[in-house]
Structure formats: structure tokens, C-alpha cells
Amino acid sequence: MATKVLSPAMQAWKKGIREYLKFAWDKEPILVLSFVTGASLPLTWLLTPRSLFKKYTDDNQAFPREFPTPIRYVEGKTGPPTSAWQKS
């Protein structure tokens, strides 16, 4: 029966994640750095409590969604319309 020969990467993986990361960093540091950078945003998004996001994004008091309706000119009920650009 032939024995299975494992690659150095598989040997490092079988020893644990720490050994595998050391092996990967020694072989391809740019790939490891790009994976860490790419995974940081989704991990931050998943691990940050939602209350923190709500605290900084709740702007209902600062920016109301409903605005008052302006009063229209109705003859006999409201005064004549005035405007700064109209000549007196």
C-alpha cells in the first residue's frame, strides 16, 4: 500500500491554522495581506453591535421626513400673496 505524500501546505494545515498562516505568509505575503484586508470589512460589519449603527445613523430628529404644506392664496380667506421679487 502506497503512503500518501502531503504537500507542505497540507502538512501545515494539519498542524493548525497558526502554522498554516505562517506557511502562507512565508510563501505569498501579498495574497495573505489581500485576504485579510478583504475580510476585515465584512467581519467588522458582522461583529459590530447594531445599536452602535443606529446611534449614529438615526437622523429623524435632525432631518424630518414630512414638511409643512405652504398656505395657498384663497380669495376672501387669506391675504393677497406677497413676494420679495414683486414690485410694490
PDB file of N, CA and C in Angstrom:
ATOM      1  N   MET A   1       0.842  -1.166   0.000  1.00  0.00           N
ATOM      2  CA  MET A   1       0.000   0.000   0.000  1.00  0.00           C
ATOM      3  C   MET A   1       0.890   1.233   0.000  1.00  0.00           C
ATOM      4  N   ALA A   2       0.566   2.148  -0.891  1.00  0.00           N
ATOM      5  CA  ALA A   2       1.372   3.354  -1.016  1.00  0.00           C
ATOM      6  C   ALA A   2       0.922   4.374   0.037  1.00  0.00           C
ATOM      7  N   THR A   3       1.906   5.082   0.546  1.00  0.00           N
ATOM      8  CA  THR A   3       1.575   6.137   1.507  1.00  0.00           C
ATOM      9  C   THR A   3       1.291   7.435   0.750  1.00  0.00           C
ATOM     10  N   LYS A   4       0.403   8.188   1.290  1.00  0.00           N
ATOM     11  CA  LYS A   4       0.019   9.444   0.645  1.00  0.00           C
ATOM     12  C   LYS A   4       1.000  10.527   1.080  1.00  0.00           C
ATOM     13  N   VAL A   5       1.565  11.200   0.084  1.00  0.00           N
ATOM     14  CA  VAL A   5       2.514  12.272   0.360  1.00  0.00           C
ATOM     15  C   VAL A   5       1.733  13.586   0.388  1.00  0.00           C
ATOM     16  N   LEU A   6       1.838  14.306   1.506  1.00  0.00           N
ATOM     17  CA  LEU A   6       1.135  15.571   1.652  1.00  0.00           C
ATOM     18  C   LEU A   6       2.037  16.720   1.248  1.00  0.00           C
ATOM     19  N   SER A   7       1.441  17.695   0.638  1.00  0.00           N
ATOM     20  CA  SER A   7       2.196  18.892   0.272  1.00  0.00           C
ATOM     21  C   SER A   7       2.541  19.661   1.550  1.00  0.00           C
ATOM     22  N   PRO A   8       3.530  20.551   1.473  1.00  0.00           N
ATOM     23  CA  PRO A   8       3.875  21.346   2.656  1.00  0.00           C
ATOM     24  C   PRO A   8       2.696  22.181   3.169  1.00  0.00           C
ATOM     25  N   ALA A   9       1.852  22.641   2.255  1.00  0.00           N
ATOM     26  CA  ALA A   9       0.691  23.423   2.680  1.00  0.00           C
ATOM     27  C   ALA A   9      -0.278  22.547   3.478  1.00  0.00           C
ATOM     28  N   MET A  10      -0.514  21.328   3.025  1.00  0.00           N
ATOM     29  CA  MET A  10      -1.413  20.426   3.742  1.00  0.00           C
ATOM     30  C   MET A  10      -0.816  20.002   5.084  1.00  0.00           C
ATOM     31  N   GLN A  11       0.495  19.816   5.123  1.00  0.00           N
ATOM     32  CA  GLN A  11       1.144  19.472   6.399  1.00  0.00           C
ATOM     33  C   GLN A  11       0.965  20.616   7.391  1.00  0.00           C
ATOM     34  N   ALA A  12       1.130  21.841   6.927  1.00  0.00           N
ATOM     35  CA  ALA A  12       0.949  22.997   7.806  1.00  0.00           C
ATOM     36  C   ALA A  12      -0.513  23.114   8.237  1.00  0.00           C
ATOM     37  N   TRP A  13      -1.440  22.813   7.322  1.00  0.00           N
ATOM     38  CA  TRP A  13      -2.864  22.888   7.658  1.00  0.00           C
ATOM     39  C   TRP A  13      -3.230  21.864   8.733  1.00  0.00           C
ATOM     40  N   LYS A  14      -2.652  20.679   8.635  1.00  0.00           N
ATOM     41  CA  LYS A  14      -2.943  19.644   9.630  1.00  0.00           C
ATOM     42  C   LYS A  14      -2.389  20.005  11.008  1.00  0.00           C
ATOM     43  N   LYS A  15      -1.342  20.817  11.058  1.00  0.00           N
ATOM     44  CA  LYS A  15      -0.782  21.246  12.345  1.00  0.00           C
ATOM     45  C   LYS A  15      -1.652  22.305  13.012  1.00  0.00           C
ATOM     46  N   GLY A  16      -2.381  23.064  12.204  1.00  0.00           N
ATOM     47  CA  GLY A  16      -3.267  24.079  12.774  1.00  0.00           C
ATOM     48  C   GLY A  16      -3.275  25.337  11.922  1.00  0.00           C
ATOM     49  N   ILE A  17      -4.206  26.201  12.257  1.00  0.00           N
ATOM     50  CA  ILE A  17      -4.384  27.426  11.463  1.00  0.00           C
ATOM     51  C   ILE A  17      -3.185  28.353  11.613  1.00  0.00           C
ATOM     52  N   ARG A  18      -2.604  28.375  12.797  1.00  0.00           N
ATOM     53  CA  ARG A  18      -1.445  29.251  13.023  1.00  0.00           C
ATOM     54  C   ARG A  18      -0.266  28.847  12.142  1.00  0.00           C
ATOM     55  N   GLU A  19       0.006  27.564  12.101  1.00  0.00           N
ATOM     56  CA  GLU A  19       1.111  27.073  11.263  1.00  0.00           C
ATOM     57  C   GLU A  19       0.816  27.305   9.779  1.00  0.00           C
ATOM     58  N   TYR A  20      -0.444  27.130   9.399  1.00  0.00           N
ATOM     59  CA  TYR A  20      -0.799  27.353   8.003  1.00  0.00           C
ATOM     60  C   TYR A  20      -0.617  28.817   7.614  1.00  0.00           C
ATOM     61  N   LEU A  21      -1.044  29.730   8.481  1.00  0.00           N
ATOM     62  CA  LEU A  21      -0.872  31.147   8.187  1.00  0.00           C
ATOM     63  C   LEU A  21       0.603  31.539   8.117  1.00  0.00           C
ATOM     64  N   LYS A  22       1.411  30.950   8.985  1.00  0.00           N
ATOM     65  CA  LYS A  22       2.859  31.201   8.907  1.00  0.00           C
ATOM     66  C   LYS A  22       3.412  30.717   7.561  1.00  0.00           C
ATOM     67  N   PHE A  23       2.994  29.514   7.162  1.00  0.00           N
ATOM     68  CA  PHE A  23       3.456  28.960   5.891  1.00  0.00           C
ATOM     69  C   PHE A  23       3.001  29.839   4.723  1.00  0.00           C
ATOM     70  N   ALA A  24       1.740  30.248   4.748  1.00  0.00           N
ATOM     71  CA  ALA A  24       1.211  31.072   3.661  1.00  0.00           C
ATOM     72  C   ALA A  24       1.909  32.429   3.620  1.00  0.00           C
ATOM     73  N   TRP A  25       2.184  33.017   4.786  1.00  0.00           N
ATOM     74  CA  TRP A  25       2.861  34.317   4.832  1.00  0.00           C
ATOM     75  C   TRP A  25       4.273  34.200   4.268  1.00  0.00           C
ATOM     76  N   ASP A  26       4.952  33.085   4.563  1.00  0.00           N
ATOM     77  CA  ASP A  26       6.301  32.879   4.032  1.00  0.00           C
ATOM     78  C   ASP A  26       6.289  32.710   2.508  1.00  0.00           C
ATOM     79  N   LYS A  27       5.261  32.057   1.986  1.00  0.00           N
ATOM     80  CA  LYS A  27       5.207  31.795   0.544  1.00  0.00           C
ATOM     81  C   LYS A  27       4.644  32.986  -0.248  1.00  0.00           C
ATOM     82  N   GLU A  28       3.489  33.504   0.168  1.00  0.00           N
ATOM     83  CA  GLU A  28       2.786  34.558  -0.579  1.00  0.00           C
ATOM     84  C   GLU A  28       2.242  35.623   0.367  1.00  0.00           C
ATOM     85  N   PRO A  29       3.071  36.553   0.816  1.00  0.00           N
ATOM     86  CA  PRO A  29       2.577  37.561   1.765  1.00  0.00           C
ATOM     87  C   PRO A  29       1.536  38.511   1.163  1.00  0.00           C
ATOM     88  N   ILE A  30       1.624  38.772  -0.132  1.00  0.00           N
ATOM     89  CA  ILE A  30       0.662  39.677  -0.754  1.00  0.00           C
ATOM     90  C   ILE A  30      -0.737  39.063  -0.763  1.00  0.00           C
ATOM     91  N   LEU A  31      -0.828  37.772  -1.055  1.00  0.00           N
ATOM     92  CA  LEU A  31      -2.134  37.108  -1.035  1.00  0.00           C
ATOM     93  C   LEU A  31      -2.737  37.095   0.368  1.00  0.00           C
ATOM     94  N   VAL A  32      -1.917  36.786   1.368  1.00  0.00           N
ATOM     95  CA  VAL A  32      -2.414  36.768   2.746  1.00  0.00           C
ATOM     96  C   VAL A  32      -2.887  38.159   3.139  1.00  0.00           C
ATOM     97  N   LEU A  33      -2.118  39.177   2.797  1.00  0.00           N
ATOM     98  CA  LEU A  33      -2.489  40.553   3.125  1.00  0.00           C
ATOM     99  C   LEU A  33      -3.782  40.966   2.419  1.00  0.00           C
ATOM    100  N   SER A  34      -3.952  40.562   1.156  1.00  0.00           N
ATOM    101  CA  SER A  34      -5.180  40.917   0.433  1.00  0.00           C
ATOM    102  C   SER A  34      -6.393  40.199   1.018  1.00  0.00           C
ATOM    103  N   PHE A  35      -6.249  38.947   1.441  1.00  0.00           N
ATOM    104  CA  PHE A  35      -7.365  38.233   2.063  1.00  0.00           C
ATOM    105  C   PHE A  35      -7.741  38.856   3.396  1.00  0.00           C
ATOM    106  N   VAL A  36      -6.752  39.235   4.179  1.00  0.00           N
ATOM    107  CA  VAL A  36      -7.031  39.866   5.478  1.00  0.00           C
ATOM    108  C   VAL A  36      -7.718  41.209   5.274  1.00  0.00           C
ATOM    109  N   THR A  37      -7.238  41.990   4.318  1.00  0.00           N
ATOM    110  CA  THR A  37      -7.842  43.291   4.038  1.00  0.00           C
ATOM    111  C   THR A  37      -9.264  43.128   3.509  1.00  0.00           C
ATOM    112  N   GLY A  38      -9.470  42.182   2.627  1.00  0.00           N
ATOM    113  CA  GLY A  38     -10.793  41.954   2.066  1.00  0.00           C
ATOM    114  C   GLY A  38     -11.790  41.412   3.068  1.00  0.00           C
ATOM    115  N   ALA A  39     -11.321  40.661   4.045  1.00  0.00           N
ATOM    116  CA  ALA A  39     -12.224  40.072   5.043  1.00  0.00           C
ATOM    117  C   ALA A  39     -12.494  41.012   6.202  1.00  0.00           C
ATOM    118  N   SER A  40     -11.718  42.074   6.343  1.00  0.00           N
ATOM    119  CA  SER A  40     -11.871  42.935   7.518  1.00  0.00           C
ATOM    120  C   SER A  40     -13.191  43.695   7.524  1.00  0.00           C
ATOM    121  N   LEU A  41     -13.644  44.198   6.378  1.00  0.00           N
ATOM    122  CA  LEU A  41     -14.898  44.958   6.348  1.00  0.00           C
ATOM    123  C   LEU A  41     -16.109  44.082   6.660  1.00  0.00           C
ATOM    124  N   PRO A  42     -16.274  42.927   6.009  1.00  0.00           N
ATOM    125  CA  PRO A  42     -17.429  42.089   6.380  1.00  0.00           C
ATOM    126  C   PRO A  42     -17.381  41.621   7.831  1.00  0.00           C
ATOM    127  N   LEU A  43     -16.203  41.295   8.341  1.00  0.00           N
ATOM    128  CA  LEU A  43     -16.107  40.869   9.739  1.00  0.00           C
ATOM    129  C   LEU A  43     -16.444  42.009  10.681  1.00  0.00           C
ATOM    130  N   THR A  44     -15.994  43.204  10.366  1.00  0.00           N
ATOM    131  CA  THR A  44     -16.332  44.365  11.191  1.00  0.00           C
ATOM    132  C   THR A  44     -17.827  44.602  11.170  1.00  0.00           C
ATOM    133  N   TRP A  45     -18.443  44.470  10.017  1.00  0.00           N
ATOM    134  CA  TRP A  45     -19.878  44.685   9.900  1.00  0.00           C
ATOM    135  C   TRP A  45     -20.646  43.635  10.701  1.00  0.00           C
ATOM    136  N   LEU A  46     -20.190  42.398  10.669  1.00  0.00           N
ATOM    137  CA  LEU A  46     -20.890  41.341  11.390  1.00  0.00           C
ATOM    138  C   LEU A  46     -20.694  41.424  12.897  1.00  0.00           C
ATOM    139  N   LEU A  47     -19.536  41.875  13.343  1.00  0.00           N
ATOM    140  CA  LEU A  47     -19.225  41.852  14.765  1.00  0.00           C
ATOM    141  C   LEU A  47     -19.607  43.125  15.506  1.00  0.00           C
ATOM    142  N   THR A  48     -19.911  44.207  14.790  1.00  0.00           N
ATOM    143  CA  THR A  48     -20.279  45.460  15.447  1.00  0.00           C
ATOM    144  C   THR A  48     -21.741  45.389  15.867  1.00  0.00           C
ATOM    145  N   PRO A  49     -22.050  45.768  17.091  1.00  0.00           N
ATOM    146  CA  PRO A  49     -23.461  45.728  17.513  1.00  0.00           C
ATOM    147  C   PRO A  49     -24.316  46.696  16.703  1.00  0.00           C
ATOM    148  N   ARG A  50     -25.539  46.290  16.417  1.00  0.00           N
ATOM    149  CA  ARG A  50     -26.438  47.107  15.607  1.00  0.00           C
ATOM    150  C   ARG A  50     -26.827  48.399  16.317  1.00  0.00           C
ATOM    151  N   SER A  51     -26.839  48.395  17.646  1.00  0.00           N
ATOM    152  CA  SER A  51     -27.219  49.606  18.373  1.00  0.00           C
ATOM    153  C   SER A  51     -26.224  50.730  18.105  1.00  0.00           C
ATOM    154  N   LEU A  52     -24.965  50.395  17.880  1.00  0.00           N
ATOM    155  CA  LEU A  52     -23.969  51.403  17.570  1.00  0.00           C
ATOM    156  C   LEU A  52     -24.272  52.061  16.227  1.00  0.00           C
ATOM    157  N   PHE A  53     -24.671  51.255  15.229  1.00  0.00           N
ATOM    158  CA  PHE A  53     -25.036  51.814  13.937  1.00  0.00           C
ATOM    159  C   PHE A  53     -26.266  52.697  14.066  1.00  0.00           C
ATOM    160  N   LYS A  54     -27.254  52.244  14.838  1.00  0.00           N
ATOM    161  CA  LYS A  54     -28.481  53.015  14.984  1.00  0.00           C
ATOM    162  C   LYS A  54     -28.206  54.339  15.685  1.00  0.00           C
ATOM    163  N   LYS A  55     -27.280  54.311  16.635  1.00  0.00           N
ATOM    164  CA  LYS A  55     -26.950  55.529  17.370  1.00  0.00           C
ATOM    165  C   LYS A  55     -26.441  56.618  16.434  1.00  0.00           C
ATOM    166  N   TYR A  56     -25.617  56.253  15.479  1.00  0.00           N
ATOM    167  CA  TYR A  56     -25.007  57.249  14.603  1.00  0.00           C
ATOM    168  C   TYR A  56     -25.764  57.471  13.303  1.00  0.00           C
ATOM    169  N   THR A  57     -26.729  56.632  12.986  1.00  0.00           N
ATOM    170  CA  THR A  57     -27.458  56.802  11.726  1.00  0.00           C
ATOM    171  C   THR A  57     -28.892  57.243  11.930  1.00  0.00           C
ATOM    172  N   ASP A  58     -29.363  57.328  13.157  1.00  0.00           N
ATOM    173  CA  ASP A  58     -30.738  57.743  13.411  1.00  0.00           C
ATOM    174  C   ASP A  58     -30.803  59.266  13.327  1.00  0.00           C
ATOM    175  N   ASP A  59     -31.229  59.789  12.173  1.00  0.00           N
ATOM    176  CA  ASP A  59     -31.244  61.227  11.957  1.00  0.00           C
ATOM    177  C   ASP A  59     -32.662  61.759  11.768  1.00  0.00           C
ATOM    178  N   ASN A  60     -33.647  61.064  12.310  1.00  0.00           N
ATOM    179  CA  ASN A  60     -35.027  61.507  12.130  1.00  0.00           C
ATOM    180  C   ASN A  60     -35.289  62.847  12.790  1.00  0.00           C
ATOM    181  N   GLN A  61     -34.649  63.122  13.917  1.00  0.00           N
ATOM    182  CA  GLN A  61     -34.865  64.400  14.578  1.00  0.00           C
ATOM    183  C   GLN A  61     -34.176  65.525  13.805  1.00  0.00           C
ATOM    184  N   ALA A  62     -33.044  65.265  13.252  1.00  0.00           N
ATOM    185  CA  ALA A  62     -32.300  66.303  12.544  1.00  0.00           C
ATOM    186  C   ALA A  62     -32.907  66.604  11.169  1.00  0.00           C
ATOM    187  N   PHE A  63     -33.415  65.584  10.508  1.00  0.00           N
ATOM    188  CA  PHE A  63     -33.956  65.755   9.164  1.00  0.00           C
ATOM    189  C   PHE A  63     -35.364  65.175   9.113  1.00  0.00           C
ATOM    190  N   PRO A  64     -36.382  65.991   9.334  1.00  0.00           N
ATOM    191  CA  PRO A  64     -37.754  65.457   9.301  1.00  0.00           C
ATOM    192  C   PRO A  64     -38.129  65.008   7.890  1.00  0.00           C
ATOM    193  N   ARG A  65     -38.927  63.974   7.825  1.00  0.00           N
ATOM    194  CA  ARG A  65     -39.338  63.440   6.526  1.00  0.00           C
ATOM    195  C   ARG A  65     -40.600  64.115   6.000  1.00  0.00           C
ATOM    196  N   GLU A  66     -41.376  64.742   6.879  1.00  0.00           N
ATOM    197  CA  GLU A  66     -42.595  65.427   6.460  1.00  0.00           C
ATOM    198  C   GLU A  66     -42.414  66.923   6.688  1.00  0.00           C
ATOM    199  N   PHE A  67     -42.731  67.696   5.679  1.00  0.00           N
ATOM    200  CA  PHE A  67     -42.564  69.131   5.746  1.00  0.00           C
ATOM    201  C   PHE A  67     -43.924  69.816   5.754  1.00  0.00           C
ATOM    202  N   PRO A  68     -44.045  70.988   6.367  1.00  0.00           N
ATOM    203  CA  PRO A  68     -45.344  71.661   6.390  1.00  0.00           C
ATOM    204  C   PRO A  68     -45.750  72.117   4.987  1.00  0.00           C
ATOM    205  N   THR A  69     -47.042  72.058   4.728  1.00  0.00           N
ATOM    206  CA  THR A  69     -47.575  72.490   3.435  1.00  0.00           C
ATOM    207  C   THR A  69     -47.752  74.010   3.465  1.00  0.00           C
ATOM    208  N   PRO A  70     -47.273  74.727   2.457  1.00  0.00           N
ATOM    209  CA  PRO A  70     -47.439  76.177   2.463  1.00  0.00           C
ATOM    210  C   PRO A  70     -48.909  76.569   2.282  1.00  0.00           C
ATOM    211  N   ILE A  71     -49.286  77.681   2.884  1.00  0.00           N
ATOM    212  CA  ILE A  71     -50.658  78.173   2.778  1.00  0.00           C
ATOM    213  C   ILE A  71     -50.834  78.829   1.413  1.00  0.00           C
ATOM    214  N   ARG A  72     -51.853  78.414   0.698  1.00  0.00           N
ATOM    215  CA  ARG A  72     -52.136  78.958  -0.631  1.00  0.00           C
ATOM    216  C   ARG A  72     -53.051  80.179  -0.510  1.00  0.00           C
ATOM    217  N   TYR A  73     -53.010  81.017  -1.500  1.00  0.00           N
ATOM    218  CA  TYR A  73     -53.873  82.195  -1.522  1.00  0.00           C
ATOM    219  C   TYR A  73     -55.288  81.783  -1.912  1.00  0.00           C
ATOM    220  N   VAL A  74     -56.216  82.075  -1.042  1.00  0.00           N
ATOM    221  CA  VAL A  74     -57.624  81.836  -1.322  1.00  0.00           C
ATOM    222  C   VAL A  74     -58.324  83.172  -1.156  1.00  0.00           C
ATOM    223  N   GLU A  75     -58.976  83.617  -2.222  1.00  0.00           N
ATOM    224  CA  GLU A  75     -59.587  84.944  -2.194  1.00  0.00           C
ATOM    225  C   GLU A  75     -60.671  85.014  -1.119  1.00  0.00           C
ATOM    226  N   GLY A  76     -60.582  86.029  -0.297  1.00  0.00           N
ATOM    227  CA  GLY A  76     -61.550  86.225   0.755  1.00  0.00           C
ATOM    228  C   GLY A  76     -61.175  85.547   2.062  1.00  0.00           C
ATOM    229  N   LYS A  77     -60.325  84.529   2.030  1.00  0.00           N
ATOM    230  CA  LYS A  77     -59.954  83.821   3.258  1.00  0.00           C
ATOM    231  C   LYS A  77     -58.544  84.171   3.717  1.00  0.00           C
ATOM    232  N   THR A  78     -57.641  84.403   2.799  1.00  0.00           N
ATOM    233  CA  THR A  78     -56.258  84.750   3.146  1.00  0.00           C
ATOM    234  C   THR A  78     -55.918  86.068   2.489  1.00  0.00           C
ATOM    235  N   GLY A  79     -54.868  86.694   2.967  1.00  0.00           N
ATOM    236  CA  GLY A  79     -54.434  87.962   2.397  1.00  0.00           C
ATOM    237  C   GLY A  79     -53.851  87.756   1.014  1.00  0.00           C
ATOM    238  N   PRO A  80     -53.603  88.844   0.301  1.00  0.00           N
ATOM    239  CA  PRO A  80     -53.016  88.736  -1.026  1.00  0.00           C
ATOM    240  C   PRO A  80     -51.591  88.170  -0.927  1.00  0.00           C
ATOM    241  N   PRO A  81     -51.167  87.432  -1.947  1.00  0.00           N
ATOM    242  CA  PRO A  81     -49.808  86.868  -1.910  1.00  0.00           C
ATOM    243  C   PRO A  81     -48.771  87.982  -1.978  1.00  0.00           C
ATOM    244  N   THR A  82     -47.731  87.819  -1.195  1.00  0.00           N
ATOM    245  CA  THR A  82     -46.634  88.796  -1.209  1.00  0.00           C
ATOM    246  C   THR A  82     -45.355  88.054  -1.536  1.00  0.00           C
ATOM    247  N   SER A  83     -44.479  88.764  -2.172  1.00  0.00           N
ATOM    248  CA  SER A  83     -43.201  88.162  -2.520  1.00  0.00           C
ATOM    249  C   SER A  83     -42.160  89.254  -2.604  1.00  0.00           C
ATOM    250  N   ALA A  84     -40.939  88.931  -2.362  1.00  0.00           N
ATOM    251  CA  ALA A  84     -39.865  89.906  -2.374  1.00  0.00           C
ATOM    252  C   ALA A  84     -39.577  90.397  -3.797  1.00  0.00           C
ATOM    253  N   TRP A  85     -39.851  89.580  -4.810  1.00  0.00           N
ATOM    254  CA  TRP A  85     -39.500  89.976  -6.161  1.00  0.00           C
ATOM    255  C   TRP A  85     -40.587  90.819  -6.823  1.00  0.00           C
ATOM    256  N   GLN A  86     -41.803  90.867  -6.252  1.00  0.00           N
ATOM    257  CA  GLN A  86     -42.860  91.665  -6.848  1.00  0.00           C
ATOM    258  C   GLN A  86     -42.652  93.138  -6.519  1.00  0.00           C
ATOM    259  N   LYS A  87     -42.964  93.983  -7.505  1.00  0.00           N
ATOM    260  CA  LYS A  87     -42.835  95.430  -7.296  1.00  0.00           C
ATOM    261  C   LYS A  87     -44.064  95.957  -6.562  1.00  0.00           C
ATOM    262  N   SER A  88     -43.865  96.880  -5.667  1.00  0.00           N
ATOM    263  CA  SER A  88     -44.977  97.450  -4.896  1.00  0.00           C
ATOM    264  C   SER A  88     -45.692  98.514  -5.686  1.00  0.00           C
TER     265      SER A  88
END
